[in-house]
All heavy atoms as atom14 arrays in JSON, in Angstrom:
{
  "sequence": "FHNLLSAFSALENVMMPILGDVGWPDGAMMERAAKLLAS",
  "atom14_mask": [
    [1, 1, 1, 1, 1, 1, 1, 1, 1, 1, 1, 0, 0, 0],
    [1, 1, 1, 1, 1, 1, 1, 1, 1, 1, 0, 0, 0, 0],
    [1, 1, 1, 1, 1, 1, 1, 1, 0, 0, 0, 0, 0, 0],
    [1, 1, 1, 1, 1, 1, 1, 1, 0, 0, 0, 0, 0, 0],
    [1, 1, 1, 1, 1, 1, 1, 1, 0, 0, 0, 0, 0, 0],
    [1, 1, 1, 1, 1, 1, 0, 0, 0, 0, 0, 0, 0, 0],
    [1, 1, 1, 1, 1, 0, 0, 0, 0, 0, 0, 0, 0, 0],
    [1, 1, 1, 1, 1, 1, 1, 1, 1, 1, 1, 0, 0, 0],
    [1, 1, 1, 1, 1, 1, 0, 0, 0, 0, 0, 0, 0, 0],
    [1, 1, 1, 1, 1, 0, 0, 0, 0, 0, 0, 0, 0, 0],
    [1, 1, 1, 1, 1, 1, 1, 1, 0, 0, 0, 0, 0, 0],
    [1, 1, 1, 1, 1, 1, 1, 1, 1, 0, 0, 0, 0, 0],
    [1, 1, 1, 1, 1, 1, 1, 1, 0, 0, 0, 0, 0, 0],
    [1, 1, 1, 1, 1, 1, 1, 0, 0, 0, 0, 0, 0, 0],
    [1, 1, 1, 1, 1, 1, 1, 1, 0, 0, 0, 0, 0, 0],
    [1, 1, 1, 1, 1, 1, 1, 1, 0, 0, 0, 0, 0, 0],
    [1, 1, 1, 1, 1, 1, 1, 0, 0, 0, 0, 0, 0, 0],
    [1, 1, 1, 1, 1, 1, 1, 1, 0, 0, 0, 0, 0, 0],
    [1, 1, 1, 1, 1, 1, 1, 1, 0, 0, 0, 0, 0, 0],
    [1, 1, 1, 1, 0, 0, 0, 0, 0, 0, 0, 0, 0, 0],
    [1, 1, 1, 1, 1, 1, 1, 1, 0, 0, 0, 0, 0, 0],
    [1, 1, 1, 1, 1, 1, 1, 0, 0, 0, 0, 0, 0, 0],
    [1, 1, 1, 1, 0, 0, 0, 0, 0, 0, 0, 0, 0, 0],
    [1, 1, 1, 1, 1, 1, 1, 1, 1, 1, 1, 1, 1, 1],
    [1, 1, 1, 1, 1, 1, 1, 0, 0, 0, 0, 0, 0, 0],
    [1, 1, 1, 1, 1, 1, 1, 1, 0, 0, 0, 0, 0, 0],
    [1, 1, 1, 1, 0, 0, 0, 0, 0, 0, 0, 0, 0, 0],
    [1, 1, 1, 1, 1, 0, 0, 0, 0, 0, 0, 0, 0, 0],
    [1, 1, 1, 1, 1, 1, 1, 1, 0, 0, 0, 0, 0, 0],
    [1, 1, 1, 1, 1, 1, 1, 1, 0, 0, 0, 0, 0, 0],
    [1, 1, 1, 1, 1, 1, 1, 1, 1, 0, 0, 0, 0, 0],
    [1, 1, 1, 1, 1, 1, 1, 1, 1, 1, 1, 0, 0, 0],
    [1, 1, 1, 1, 1, 0, 0, 0, 0, 0, 0, 0, 0, 0],
    [1, 1, 1, 1, 1, 0, 0, 0, 0, 0, 0, 0, 0, 0],
    [1, 1, 1, 1, 1, 1, 1, 1, 1, 0, 0, 0, 0, 0],
    [1, 1, 1, 1, 1, 1, 1, 1, 0, 0, 0, 0, 0, 0],
    [1, 1, 1, 1, 1, 1, 1, 1, 0, 0, 0, 0, 0, 0],
    [1, 1, 1, 1, 1, 0, 0, 0, 0, 0, 0, 0, 0, 0],
    [1, 1, 1, 1, 1, 1, 0, 0, 0, 0, 0, 0, 0, 0]
  ],
  "atom14_positions": [
    [[0.88, -1.17, 0.0], [0.0, 0.0, 0.0], [0.91, 1.22, 0.0], [1.67, 1.44, 0.94], [-0.92, -0.03, 1.22], [-1.78, -1.27, 1.26], [-1.42, -2.34, 2.07], [-2.89, -1.4, 0.44], [-2.19, -3.5, 2.09], [-3.66, -2.55, 0.46], [-3.31, -3.6, 1.29], [0.0, 0.0, 0.0], [0.0, 0.0, 0.0], [0.0, 0.0, 0.0]],
    [[0.85, 1.99, -1.06], [1.89, 2.97, -1.38], [2.02, 4.11, -0.39], [3.04, 4.77, -0.34], [1.65, 3.53, -2.78], [0.22, 3.93, -3.02], [-0.34, 5.04, -2.42], [-0.75, 3.36, -3.78], [-1.6, 5.15, -2.82], [-1.88, 4.14, -3.64], [0.0, 0.0, 0.0], [0.0, 0.0, 0.0], [0.0, 0.0, 0.0], [0.0, 0.0, 0.0]],
    [[0.98, 4.4, 0.41], [1.05, 5.46, 1.44], [1.4, 6.83, 0.86], [2.12, 7.62, 1.48], [2.08, 5.09, 2.53], [1.73, 3.81, 3.24], [0.59, 3.59, 3.61], [2.71, 2.93, 3.42], [0.0, 0.0, 0.0], [0.0, 0.0, 0.0], [0.0, 0.0, 0.0], [0.0, 0.0, 0.0], [0.0, 0.0, 0.0], [0.0, 0.0, 0.0]],
    [[0.89, 7.1, -0.33], [1.08, 8.43, -0.91], [0.1, 9.42, -0.31], [-0.93, 9.03, 0.26], [0.88, 8.37, -2.43], [1.84, 7.47, -3.22], [1.39, 7.37, -4.67], [3.27, 7.97, -3.12], [0.0, 0.0, 0.0], [0.0, 0.0, 0.0], [0.0, 0.0, 0.0], [0.0, 0.0, 0.0], [0.0, 0.0, 0.0], [0.0, 0.0, 0.0]],
    [[0.4, 10.7, -0.43], [-0.5, 11.76, 0.03], [-1.42, 12.12, -1.13], [-1.01, 12.79, -2.07], [0.31, 12.96, 0.5], [1.28, 12.68, 1.65], [2.16, 13.89, 1.94], [0.5, 12.27, 2.9], [0.0, 0.0, 0.0], [0.0, 0.0, 0.0], [0.0, 0.0, 0.0], [0.0, 0.0, 0.0], [0.0, 0.0, 0.0], [0.0, 0.0, 0.0]],
    [[-2.66, 11.66, -1.04], [-3.56, 11.69, -2.19], [-3.89, 13.1, -2.68], [-4.19, 13.3, -3.86], [-4.86, 10.94, -1.86], [-5.51, 11.53, -0.75], [0.0, 0.0, 0.0], [0.0, 0.0, 0.0], [0.0, 0.0, 0.0], [0.0, 0.0, 0.0], [0.0, 0.0, 0.0], [0.0, 0.0, 0.0], [0.0, 0.0, 0.0], [0.0, 0.0, 0.0]],
    [[-3.85, 14.09, -1.8], [-4.21, 15.46, -2.2], [-3.06, 16.17, -2.92], [-3.25, 17.23, -3.5], [-4.63, 16.27, -0.98], [0.0, 0.0, 0.0], [0.0, 0.0, 0.0], [0.0, 0.0, 0.0], [0.0, 0.0, 0.0], [0.0, 0.0, 0.0], [0.0, 0.0, 0.0], [0.0, 0.0, 0.0], [0.0, 0.0, 0.0], [0.0, 0.0, 0.0]],
    [[-1.86, 15.56, -2.9], [-0.69, 16.18, -3.5], [-0.4, 15.55, -4.86], [-0.81, 14.43, -5.15], [0.52, 16.04, -2.58], [0.45, 16.87, -1.33], [-0.26, 16.44, -0.23], [1.08, 18.1, -1.27], [-0.34, 17.2, 0.92], [1.02, 18.89, -0.13], [0.3, 18.43, 0.98], [0.0, 0.0, 0.0], [0.0, 0.0, 0.0], [0.0, 0.0, 0.0]],
    [[0.35, 16.3, -5.66], [0.7, 15.8, -6.98], [1.78, 14.72, -6.88], [2.42, 14.54, -5.84], [1.22, 16.95, -7.85], [2.49, 17.39, -7.38], [0.0, 0.0, 0.0], [0.0, 0.0, 0.0], [0.0, 0.0, 0.0], [0.0, 0.0, 0.0], [0.0, 0.0, 0.0], [0.0, 0.0, 0.0], [0.0, 0.0, 0.0], [0.0, 0.0, 0.0]],
    [[1.99, 14.03, -8.0], [3.06, 13.03, -8.05], [4.41, 13.68, -7.74], [5.21, 13.14, -6.96], [3.09, 12.38, -9.43], [0.0, 0.0, 0.0], [0.0, 0.0, 0.0], [0.0, 0.0, 0.0], [0.0, 0.0, 0.0], [0.0, 0.0, 0.0], [0.0, 0.0, 0.0], [0.0, 0.0, 0.0], [0.0, 0.0, 0.0], [0.0, 0.0, 0.0]],
    [[4.66, 14.86, -8.32], [5.92, 15.56, -8.09], [6.1, 15.91, -6.62], [7.17, 15.71, -6.04], [5.97, 16.83, -8.94], [7.3, 17.58, -8.95], [8.34, 16.8, -9.75], [7.13, 18.98, -9.54], [0.0, 0.0, 0.0], [0.0, 0.0, 0.0], [0.0, 0.0, 0.0], [0.0, 0.0, 0.0], [0.0, 0.0, 0.0], [0.0, 0.0, 0.0]],
    [[5.06, 16.42, -6.0], [5.13, 16.8, -4.59], [5.37, 15.6, -3.69], [6.12, 15.68, -2.71], [3.85, 17.53, -4.18], [3.73, 18.92, -4.8], [2.33, 19.5, -4.68], [1.35, 18.73, -4.57], [2.21, 20.74, -4.71], [0.0, 0.0, 0.0], [0.0, 0.0, 0.0], [0.0, 0.0, 0.0], [0.0, 0.0, 0.0], [0.0, 0.0, 0.0]],
    [[4.76, 14.47, -4.02], [4.98, 13.26, -3.23], [6.43, 12.8, -3.3], [7.0, 12.39, -2.29], [4.05, 12.13, -3.72], [2.73, 12.1, -2.99], [2.6, 11.53, -1.91], [1.72, 12.75, -3.57], [0.0, 0.0, 0.0], [0.0, 0.0, 0.0], [0.0, 0.0, 0.0], [0.0, 0.0, 0.0], [0.0, 0.0, 0.0], [0.0, 0.0, 0.0]],
    [[7.02, 12.87, -4.49], [8.41, 12.44, -4.65], [9.36, 13.38, -3.92], [10.41, 12.98, -3.41], [8.78, 12.32, -6.14], [10.26, 11.97, -6.31], [7.91, 11.27, -6.81], [0.0, 0.0, 0.0], [0.0, 0.0, 0.0], [0.0, 0.0, 0.0], [0.0, 0.0, 0.0], [0.0, 0.0, 0.0], [0.0, 0.0, 0.0], [0.0, 0.0, 0.0]],
    [[8.98, 14.65, -3.82], [9.83, 15.64, -3.15], [9.84, 15.48, -1.63], [10.75, 15.98, -0.96], [9.36, 17.06, -3.5], [9.65, 17.48, -4.92], [8.83, 19.06, -5.36], [9.54, 20.19, -4.16], [0.0, 0.0, 0.0], [0.0, 0.0, 0.0], [0.0, 0.0, 0.0], [0.0, 0.0, 0.0], [0.0, 0.0, 0.0], [0.0, 0.0, 0.0]],
    [[8.85, 14.79, -1.07], [8.67, 14.76, 0.39], [9.9, 14.29, 1.17], [10.28, 14.93, 2.17], [7.46, 13.9, 0.76], [6.12, 14.53, 0.43], [5.86, 16.09, 1.31], [4.3, 16.61, 0.57], [0.0, 0.0, 0.0], [0.0, 0.0, 0.0], [0.0, 0.0, 0.0], [0.0, 0.0, 0.0], [0.0, 0.0, 0.0], [0.0, 0.0, 0.0]],
    [[10.56, 13.18, 0.8], [11.73, 12.77, 1.59], [12.86, 13.8, 1.57], [13.55, 13.99, 2.58], [12.17, 11.46, 0.91], [10.96, 10.97, 0.19], [10.25, 12.2, -0.27], [0.0, 0.0, 0.0], [0.0, 0.0, 0.0], [0.0, 0.0, 0.0], [0.0, 0.0, 0.0], [0.0, 0.0, 0.0], [0.0, 0.0, 0.0], [0.0, 0.0, 0.0]],
    [[13.06, 14.45, 0.41], [14.12, 15.46, 0.31], [13.73, 16.68, 1.15], [14.56, 17.25, 1.85], [14.35, 15.89, -1.15], [14.39, 14.68, -2.08], [15.65, 16.69, -1.26], [14.45, 15.03, -3.55], [0.0, 0.0, 0.0], [0.0, 0.0, 0.0], [0.0, 0.0, 0.0], [0.0, 0.0, 0.0], [0.0, 0.0, 0.0], [0.0, 0.0, 0.0]],
    [[12.47, 17.05, 1.09], [11.98, 18.19, 1.88], [12.16, 17.93, 3.37], [12.56, 18.82, 4.13], [10.5, 18.45, 1.56], [9.85, 19.67, 2.2], [10.53, 20.95, 1.75], [8.36, 19.71, 1.86], [0.0, 0.0, 0.0], [0.0, 0.0, 0.0], [0.0, 0.0, 0.0], [0.0, 0.0, 0.0], [0.0, 0.0, 0.0], [0.0, 0.0, 0.0]],
    [[11.89, 16.68, 3.78], [12.05, 16.33, 5.18], [13.5, 16.43, 5.64], [13.78, 16.72, 6.8], [0.0, 0.0, 0.0], [0.0, 0.0, 0.0], [0.0, 0.0, 0.0], [0.0, 0.0, 0.0], [0.0, 0.0, 0.0], [0.0, 0.0, 0.0], [0.0, 0.0, 0.0], [0.0, 0.0, 0.0], [0.0, 0.0, 0.0], [0.0, 0.0, 0.0]],
    [[14.43, 16.2, 4.71], [15.85, 16.26, 5.05], [16.4, 17.68, 4.98], [17.14, 18.12, 5.85], [16.64, 15.35, 4.09], [18.11, 15.27, 4.46], [18.42, 14.83, 5.58], [18.96, 15.64, 3.62], [0.0, 0.0, 0.0], [0.0, 0.0, 0.0], [0.0, 0.0, 0.0], [0.0, 0.0, 0.0], [0.0, 0.0, 0.0], [0.0, 0.0, 0.0]],
    [[16.02, 18.41, 3.93], [16.56, 19.76, 3.71], [15.78, 20.82, 4.49], [16.35, 21.76, 5.03], [16.56, 20.09, 2.2], [17.04, 21.51, 1.95], [17.43, 19.1, 1.45], [0.0, 0.0, 0.0], [0.0, 0.0, 0.0], [0.0, 0.0, 0.0], [0.0, 0.0, 0.0], [0.0, 0.0, 0.0], [0.0, 0.0, 0.0], [0.0, 0.0, 0.0]],
    [[14.44, 20.67, 4.5], [13.62, 21.58, 5.29], [12.9, 22.65, 4.5], [12.0, 23.3, 5.03], [0.0, 0.0, 0.0], [0.0, 0.0, 0.0], [0.0, 0.0, 0.0], [0.0, 0.0, 0.0], [0.0, 0.0, 0.0], [0.0, 0.0, 0.0], [0.0, 0.0, 0.0], [0.0, 0.0, 0.0], [0.0, 0.0, 0.0], [0.0, 0.0, 0.0]],
    [[13.27, 22.85, 3.25], [12.58, 23.84, 2.42], [12.71, 23.44, 0.95], [13.69, 22.82, 0.55], [13.17, 25.25, 2.63], [14.62, 25.36, 2.26], [15.15, 25.64, 1.05], [15.75, 25.15, 3.13], [16.51, 25.62, 1.08], [16.91, 25.33, 2.35], [15.87, 24.84, 4.49], [18.19, 25.2, 2.9], [17.14, 24.71, 5.01], [18.28, 24.89, 4.23]],
    [[11.72, 23.78, 0.12], [11.77, 23.4, -1.29], [12.67, 24.33, -2.08], [12.81, 25.51, -1.76], [10.3, 23.55, -1.74], [9.74, 24.57, -0.82], [10.44, 24.42, 0.49], [0.0, 0.0, 0.0], [0.0, 0.0, 0.0], [0.0, 0.0, 0.0], [0.0, 0.0, 0.0], [0.0, 0.0, 0.0], [0.0, 0.0, 0.0], [0.0, 0.0, 0.0]],
    [[13.33, 23.77, -3.09], [14.12, 24.61, -3.98], [14.11, 24.0, -5.38], [13.55, 22.92, -5.6], [15.56, 24.79, -3.47], [16.3, 23.47, -3.3], [15.95, 22.48, -3.98], [17.24, 23.42, -2.49], [0.0, 0.0, 0.0], [0.0, 0.0, 0.0], [0.0, 0.0, 0.0], [0.0, 0.0, 0.0], [0.0, 0.0, 0.0], [0.0, 0.0, 0.0]],
    [[14.72, 24.69, -6.32], [14.7, 24.24, -7.7], [15.39, 22.9, -7.9], [14.94, 22.07, -8.69], [0.0, 0.0, 0.0], [0.0, 0.0, 0.0], [0.0, 0.0, 0.0], [0.0, 0.0, 0.0], [0.0, 0.0, 0.0], [0.0, 0.0, 0.0], [0.0, 0.0, 0.0], [0.0, 0.0, 0.0], [0.0, 0.0, 0.0], [0.0, 0.0, 0.0]],
    [[16.49, 22.68, -7.19], [17.24, 21.43, -7.33], [16.39, 20.23, -6.88], [16.43, 19.16, -7.48], [18.53, 21.5, -6.53], [0.0, 0.0, 0.0], [0.0, 0.0, 0.0], [0.0, 0.0, 0.0], [0.0, 0.0, 0.0], [0.0, 0.0, 0.0], [0.0, 0.0, 0.0], [0.0, 0.0, 0.0], [0.0, 0.0, 0.0], [0.0, 0.0, 0.0]],
    [[15.63, 20.45, -5.81], [14.76, 19.4, -5.3], [13.68, 19.06, -6.32], [13.41, 17.88, -6.6], [14.11, 19.88, -4.0], [13.27, 18.83, -3.28], [12.36, 19.57, -1.88], [13.7, 20.31, -0.94], [0.0, 0.0, 0.0], [0.0, 0.0, 0.0], [0.0, 0.0, 0.0], [0.0, 0.0, 0.0], [0.0, 0.0, 0.0], [0.0, 0.0, 0.0]],
    [[13.1, 20.08, -6.92], [12.06, 19.85, -7.93], [12.63, 19.16, -9.16], [12.01, 18.26, -9.73], [11.42, 21.19, -8.31], [10.19, 21.07, -9.2], [9.36, 22.68, -9.43], [8.86, 23.06, -7.76], [0.0, 0.0, 0.0], [0.0, 0.0, 0.0], [0.0, 0.0, 0.0], [0.0, 0.0, 0.0], [0.0, 0.0, 0.0], [0.0, 0.0, 0.0]],
    [[13.84, 19.55, -9.54], [14.49, 18.92, -10.69], [14.78, 17.45, -10.42], [14.59, 16.6, -11.29], [15.79, 19.66, -11.01], [16.52, 19.11, -12.25], [17.79, 19.87, -12.56], [18.05, 20.89, -11.88], [18.52, 19.44, -13.47], [0.0, 0.0, 0.0], [0.0, 0.0, 0.0], [0.0, 0.0, 0.0], [0.0, 0.0, 0.0], [0.0, 0.0, 0.0]],
    [[15.26, 17.14, -9.21], [15.53, 15.76, -8.83], [14.25, 14.92, -8.89], [14.23, 13.82, -9.44], [16.11, 15.72, -7.42], [16.18, 14.35, -6.75], [17.27, 13.5, -7.3], [17.41, 12.26, -6.55], [17.98, 11.16, -7.02], [18.49, 11.15, -8.24], [18.07, 10.08, -6.29], [0.0, 0.0, 0.0], [0.0, 0.0, 0.0], [0.0, 0.0, 0.0]],
    [[13.15, 15.45, -8.35], [11.88, 14.73, -8.35], [11.37, 14.52, -9.77], [10.86, 13.43, -10.11], [10.84, 15.5, -7.52], [0.0, 0.0, 0.0], [0.0, 0.0, 0.0], [0.0, 0.0, 0.0], [0.0, 0.0, 0.0], [0.0, 0.0, 0.0], [0.0, 0.0, 0.0], [0.0, 0.0, 0.0], [0.0, 0.0, 0.0], [0.0, 0.0, 0.0]],
    [[11.52, 15.53, -10.61], [11.08, 15.42, -12.0], [11.87, 14.35, -12.75], [11.31, 13.58, -13.54], [11.2, 16.76, -12.71], [0.0, 0.0, 0.0], [0.0, 0.0, 0.0], [0.0, 0.0, 0.0], [0.0, 0.0, 0.0], [0.0, 0.0, 0.0], [0.0, 0.0, 0.0], [0.0, 0.0, 0.0], [0.0, 0.0, 0.0], [0.0, 0.0, 0.0]],
    [[13.19, 14.28, -12.52], [14.02, 13.26, -13.16], [13.63, 11.86, -12.71], [13.61, 10.92, -13.51], [15.49, 13.52, -12.86], [16.09, 14.69, -13.63], [17.56, 14.85, -13.33], [18.17, 15.98, -14.17], [19.62, 16.17, -13.85], [0.0, 0.0, 0.0], [0.0, 0.0, 0.0], [0.0, 0.0, 0.0], [0.0, 0.0, 0.0], [0.0, 0.0, 0.0]],
    [[13.31, 11.72, -11.43], [12.9, 10.41, -10.91], [11.58, 9.98, -11.53], [11.41, 8.8, -11.89], [12.8, 10.46, -9.39], [14.13, 10.47, -8.65], [13.93, 10.81, -7.18], [14.84, 9.13, -8.78], [0.0, 0.0, 0.0], [0.0, 0.0, 0.0], [0.0, 0.0, 0.0], [0.0, 0.0, 0.0], [0.0, 0.0, 0.0], [0.0, 0.0, 0.0]],
    [[10.65, 10.91, -11.67], [9.37, 10.57, -12.3], [9.57, 10.23, -13.77], [8.91, 9.34, -14.31], [8.38, 11.72, -12.14], [7.77, 11.85, -10.74], [6.97, 13.14, -10.62], [6.87, 10.65, -10.42], [0.0, 0.0, 0.0], [0.0, 0.0, 0.0], [0.0, 0.0, 0.0], [0.0, 0.0, 0.0], [0.0, 0.0, 0.0], [0.0, 0.0, 0.0]],
    [[10.51, 10.91, -14.42], [10.82, 10.56, -15.81], [11.39, 9.15, -15.9], [11.09, 8.4, -16.84], [11.81, 11.57, -16.39], [0.0, 0.0, 0.0], [0.0, 0.0, 0.0], [0.0, 0.0, 0.0], [0.0, 0.0, 0.0], [0.0, 0.0, 0.0], [0.0, 0.0, 0.0], [0.0, 0.0, 0.0], [0.0, 0.0, 0.0], [0.0, 0.0, 0.0]],
    [[12.18, 8.75, -14.9], [12.8, 7.42, -14.91], [11.78, 6.31, -14.75], [12.05, 5.16, -15.13], [13.86, 7.32, -13.8], [13.26, 7.19, -12.52], [0.0, 0.0, 0.0], [0.0, 0.0, 0.0], [0.0, 0.0, 0.0], [0.0, 0.0, 0.0], [0.0, 0.0, 0.0], [0.0, 0.0, 0.0], [0.0, 0.0, 0.0], [0.0, 0.0, 0.0]]
  ]
}
């Protein structure tokens, strides 16, 4: 059971672990999440 946050987008869900570690969103984080979704 994937435990995704249903109200958030796919990109936002992928960003969550990085956000939890860094503490704030930035362009690099969004780029990393986008590349992972592309993969």
